[in-house]
Amino acid sequence: MKRGQTLTEFAIGVAVALLVLVGLMELGRYLFAVNTLRNAVREGARYAIVRPWDDEGIRQKVRQSVAGLEQSAIDVRVSFNPPTRGSGSIVTVTASYPFRSVLGIFRRPITVAATMRLP
């Protein structure tokens, strides 16, 4: 009797431990995507300060800075306030990425977004 009880408890414990482990792995992947996108947007904003006329170059700089994420899935938006792009303009670089769970836990992707504003 005790042997069957131990086996049942072990099976339940392993299932719970695996569930927690997989959840932590997914959380790690999500946090990686958030951090990577934030760093990429920061790089794009720095590039925009030096070359404010080069919108496509700014977008390309953001996409090149996202190692480990699918570059084609990243949506990058660039805006300047005031739009004259002169001295004193504030550049805003925003990027979003659809995060998909490896295990298909979420039916729809979760949108990860990051914004950086620099004068």
C-alpha atoms as a PDB file:
ATOM      1  CA  MET A   1       0.000   0.000   0.000  1.00  0.00           C
ATOM      2  CA  LYS A   2       2.764   2.413   0.933  1.00  0.00           C
ATOM      3  CA  ARG A   3       4.617   1.706  -2.287  1.00  0.00           C
ATOM      4  CA  GLY A   4       1.659   2.753  -4.462  1.00  0.00           C
ATOM      5  CA  GLN A   5       1.150   5.883  -2.406  1.00  0.00           C
ATOM      6  CA  THR A   6       4.790   6.890  -2.849  1.00  0.00           C
ATOM      7  CA  LEU A   7       4.574   6.374  -6.601  1.00  0.00           C
ATOM      8  CA  THR A   8       1.420   8.495  -6.820  1.00  0.00           C
ATOM      9  CA  GLU A   9       2.950  11.282  -4.762  1.00  0.00           C
ATOM     10  CA  PHE A  10       6.082  11.176  -6.901  1.00  0.00           C
ATOM     11  CA  ALA A  11       4.044  11.411 -10.117  1.00  0.00           C
ATOM     12  CA  ILE A  12       2.107  14.417  -8.819  1.00  0.00           C
ATOM     13  CA  GLY A  13       5.289  16.083  -7.568  1.00  0.00           C
ATOM     14  CA  VAL A  14       7.097  15.600 -10.877  1.00  0.00           C
ATOM     15  CA  ALA A  15       4.130  16.993 -12.826  1.00  0.00           C
ATOM     16  CA  VAL A  16       4.021  20.104 -10.649  1.00  0.00           C
ATOM     17  CA  ALA A  17       7.806  20.536 -10.828  1.00  0.00           C
ATOM     18  CA  LEU A  18       7.765  20.253 -14.637  1.00  0.00           C
ATOM     19  CA  LEU A  19       4.932  22.764 -14.862  1.00  0.00           C
ATOM     20  CA  VAL A  20       6.884  25.251 -12.747  1.00  0.00           C
ATOM     21  CA  LEU A  21      10.065  24.624 -14.746  1.00  0.00           C
ATOM     22  CA  VAL A  22       8.340  25.177 -18.091  1.00  0.00           C
ATOM     23  CA  GLY A  23       6.654  28.307 -16.734  1.00  0.00           C
ATOM     24  CA  LEU A  24      10.010  29.694 -15.626  1.00  0.00           C
ATOM     25  CA  MET A  25      11.497  28.959 -19.038  1.00  0.00           C
ATOM     26  CA  GLU A  26       8.667  30.823 -20.784  1.00  0.00           C
ATOM     27  CA  LEU A  27       9.054  33.734 -18.356  1.00  0.00           C
ATOM     28  CA  GLY A  28      12.773  33.818 -19.124  1.00  0.00           C
ATOM     29  CA  ARG A  29      12.111  33.898 -22.860  1.00  0.00           C
ATOM     30  CA  TYR A  30       9.600  36.729 -22.404  1.00  0.00           C
ATOM     31  CA  LEU A  31      12.000  38.773 -20.284  1.00  0.00           C
ATOM     32  CA  PHE A  32      14.745  38.157 -22.854  1.00  0.00           C
ATOM     33  CA  ALA A  33      12.463  39.546 -25.586  1.00  0.00           C
ATOM     34  CA  VAL A  34      11.601  42.622 -23.472  1.00  0.00           C
ATOM     35  CA  ASN A  35      15.238  43.362 -22.619  1.00  0.00           C
ATOM     36  CA  THR A  36      16.478  42.777 -26.164  1.00  0.00           C
ATOM     37  CA  LEU A  37      13.810  45.044 -27.626  1.00  0.00           C
ATOM     38  CA  ARG A  38      14.573  47.802 -25.101  1.00  0.00           C
ATOM     39  CA  ASN A  39      18.262  47.697 -25.956  1.00  0.00           C
ATOM     40  CA  ALA A  40      17.507  47.729 -29.689  1.00  0.00           C
ATOM     41  CA  VAL A  41      15.246  50.771 -29.352  1.00  0.00           C
ATOM     42  CA  ARG A  42      17.939  52.536 -27.332  1.00  0.00           C
ATOM     43  CA  GLU A  43      20.457  51.864 -30.111  1.00  0.00           C
ATOM     44  CA  GLY A  44      18.002  53.130 -32.717  1.00  0.00           C
ATOM     45  CA  ALA A  45      17.407  56.349 -30.770  1.00  0.00           C
ATOM     46  CA  ARG A  46      21.150  56.935 -30.444  1.00  0.00           C
ATOM     47  CA  TYR A  47      21.517  56.448 -34.180  1.00  0.00           C
ATOM     48  CA  ALA A  48      18.624  58.865 -34.778  1.00  0.00           C
ATOM     49  CA  ILE A  49      20.377  61.603 -32.814  1.00  0.00           C
ATOM     50  CA  VAL A  50      23.376  61.425 -35.129  1.00  0.00           C
ATOM     51  CA  ARG A  51      21.437  60.885 -38.391  1.00  0.00           C
ATOM     52  CA  PRO A  52      17.911  62.287 -37.921  1.00  0.00           C
ATOM     53  CA  TRP A  53      17.142  62.313 -41.662  1.00  0.00           C
ATOM     54  CA  ASP A  54      17.749  58.562 -42.111  1.00  0.00           C
ATOM     55  CA  ASP A  55      14.424  56.920 -41.117  1.00  0.00           C
ATOM     56  CA  GLU A  56      15.186  53.650 -42.880  1.00  0.00           C
ATOM     57  CA  GLY A  57      18.650  53.547 -41.317  1.00  0.00           C
ATOM     58  CA  ILE A  58      17.088  54.024 -37.869  1.00  0.00           C
ATOM     59  CA  ARG A  59      14.679  51.141 -38.471  1.00  0.00           C
ATOM     60  CA  GLN A  60      17.512  48.988 -39.780  1.00  0.00           C
ATOM     61  CA  LYS A  61      19.667  49.787 -36.730  1.00  0.00           C
ATOM     62  CA  VAL A  62      16.856  48.620 -34.418  1.00  0.00           C
ATOM     63  CA  ARG A  63      16.348  45.404 -36.396  1.00  0.00           C
ATOM     64  CA  GLN A  64      20.089  44.683 -36.465  1.00  0.00           C
ATOM     65  CA  SER A  65      20.279  45.067 -32.684  1.00  0.00           C
ATOM     66  CA  VAL A  66      17.760  42.329 -31.853  1.00  0.00           C
ATOM     67  CA  ALA A  67      19.876  39.201 -31.676  1.00  0.00           C
ATOM     68  CA  GLY A  68      17.731  36.190 -30.901  1.00  0.00           C
ATOM     69  CA  LEU A  69      14.422  37.638 -32.133  1.00  0.00           C
ATOM     70  CA  GLU A  70      12.873  37.398 -35.580  1.00  0.00           C
ATOM     71  CA  GLN A  71      13.912  40.661 -37.257  1.00  0.00           C
ATOM     72  CA  SER A  72      11.148  40.674 -39.859  1.00  0.00           C
ATOM     73  CA  ALA A  73       8.448  40.530 -37.158  1.00  0.00           C
ATOM     74  CA  ILE A  74       9.592  43.743 -35.477  1.00  0.00           C
ATOM     75  CA  ASP A  75       7.556  46.875 -36.192  1.00  0.00           C
ATOM     76  CA  VAL A  76       9.590  50.080 -35.766  1.00  0.00           C
ATOM     77  CA  ARG A  77       8.142  53.609 -35.688  1.00  0.00           C
ATOM     78  CA  VAL A  78      10.166  56.825 -35.609  1.00  0.00           C
ATOM     79  CA  SER A  79       8.845  60.305 -34.848  1.00  0.00           C
ATOM     80  CA  PHE A  80      10.315  63.713 -34.069  1.00  0.00           C
ATOM     81  CA  ASN A  81       8.837  66.522 -31.993  1.00  0.00           C
ATOM     82  CA  PRO A  82       8.864  69.102 -33.546  1.00  0.00           C
ATOM     83  CA  PRO A  83       8.871  67.354 -36.923  1.00  0.00           C
ATOM     84  CA  THR A  84      11.522  69.696 -38.363  1.00  0.00           C
ATOM     85  CA  ARG A  85      14.258  67.349 -37.061  1.00  0.00           C
ATOM     86  CA  GLY A  86      16.455  70.256 -36.149  1.00  0.00           C
ATOM     87  CA  SER A  87      18.498  71.002 -33.076  1.00  0.00           C
ATOM     88  CA  GLY A  88      16.406  70.456 -29.953  1.00  0.00           C
ATOM     89  CA  SER A  89      14.002  67.993 -31.562  1.00  0.00           C
ATOM     90  CA  ILE A  90      13.052  65.014 -29.441  1.00  0.00           C
ATOM     91  CA  VAL A  91      13.256  61.688 -31.242  1.00  0.00           C
ATOM     92  CA  THR A  92      10.893  58.892 -30.251  1.00  0.00           C
ATOM     93  CA  VAL A  93      11.688  55.366 -31.420  1.00  0.00           C
ATOM     94  CA  THR A  94       9.056  52.717 -30.710  1.00  0.00           C
ATOM     95  CA  ALA A  95       9.286  49.029 -31.564  1.00  0.00           C
ATOM     96  CA  SER A  96       6.890  46.144 -31.018  1.00  0.00           C
ATOM     97  CA  TYR A  97       7.350  42.393 -31.334  1.00  0.00           C
ATOM     98  CA  PRO A  98       4.763  39.589 -31.194  1.00  0.00           C
ATOM     99  CA  PHE A  99       5.994  37.156 -28.525  1.00  0.00           C
ATOM    100  CA  ARG A 100       4.800  33.606 -29.139  1.00  0.00           C
ATOM    101  CA  SER A 101       4.995  30.881 -26.536  1.00  0.00           C
ATOM    102  CA  VAL A 102       6.994  27.838 -27.583  1.00  0.00           C
ATOM    103  CA  LEU A 103       4.440  25.529 -26.020  1.00  0.00           C
ATOM    104  CA  GLY A 104       1.417  27.323 -27.420  1.00  0.00           C
ATOM    105  CA  ILE A 105       0.177  28.300 -23.969  1.00  0.00           C
ATOM    106  CA  PHE A 106      -1.295  31.518 -25.355  1.00  0.00           C
ATOM    107  CA  ARG A 107      -3.501  31.327 -28.422  1.00  0.00           C
ATOM    108  CA  ARG A 108      -2.586  34.830 -29.560  1.00  0.00           C
ATOM    109  CA  PRO A 109       0.877  36.355 -29.395  1.00  0.00           C
ATOM    110  CA  ILE A 110       1.647  38.809 -26.609  1.00  0.00           C
ATOM    111  CA  THR A 111       2.877  42.138 -27.947  1.00  0.00           C
ATOM    112  CA  VAL A 112       6.157  43.271 -26.424  1.00  0.00           C
ATOM    113  CA  ALA A 113       6.745  47.001 -26.917  1.00  0.00           C
ATOM    114  CA  ALA A 114       9.549  49.404 -26.066  1.00  0.00           C
ATOM    115  CA  THR A 115       9.926  53.156 -26.484  1.00  0.00           C
ATOM    116  CA  MET A 116      12.914  55.472 -26.162  1.00  0.00           C
ATOM    117  CA  ARG A 117      12.845  59.274 -26.277  1.00  0.00           C
ATOM    118  CA  LEU A 118      16.030  61.296 -26.583  1.00  0.00           C
ATOM    119  CA  PRO A 119      16.626  65.004 -27.234  1.00  0.00           C
END
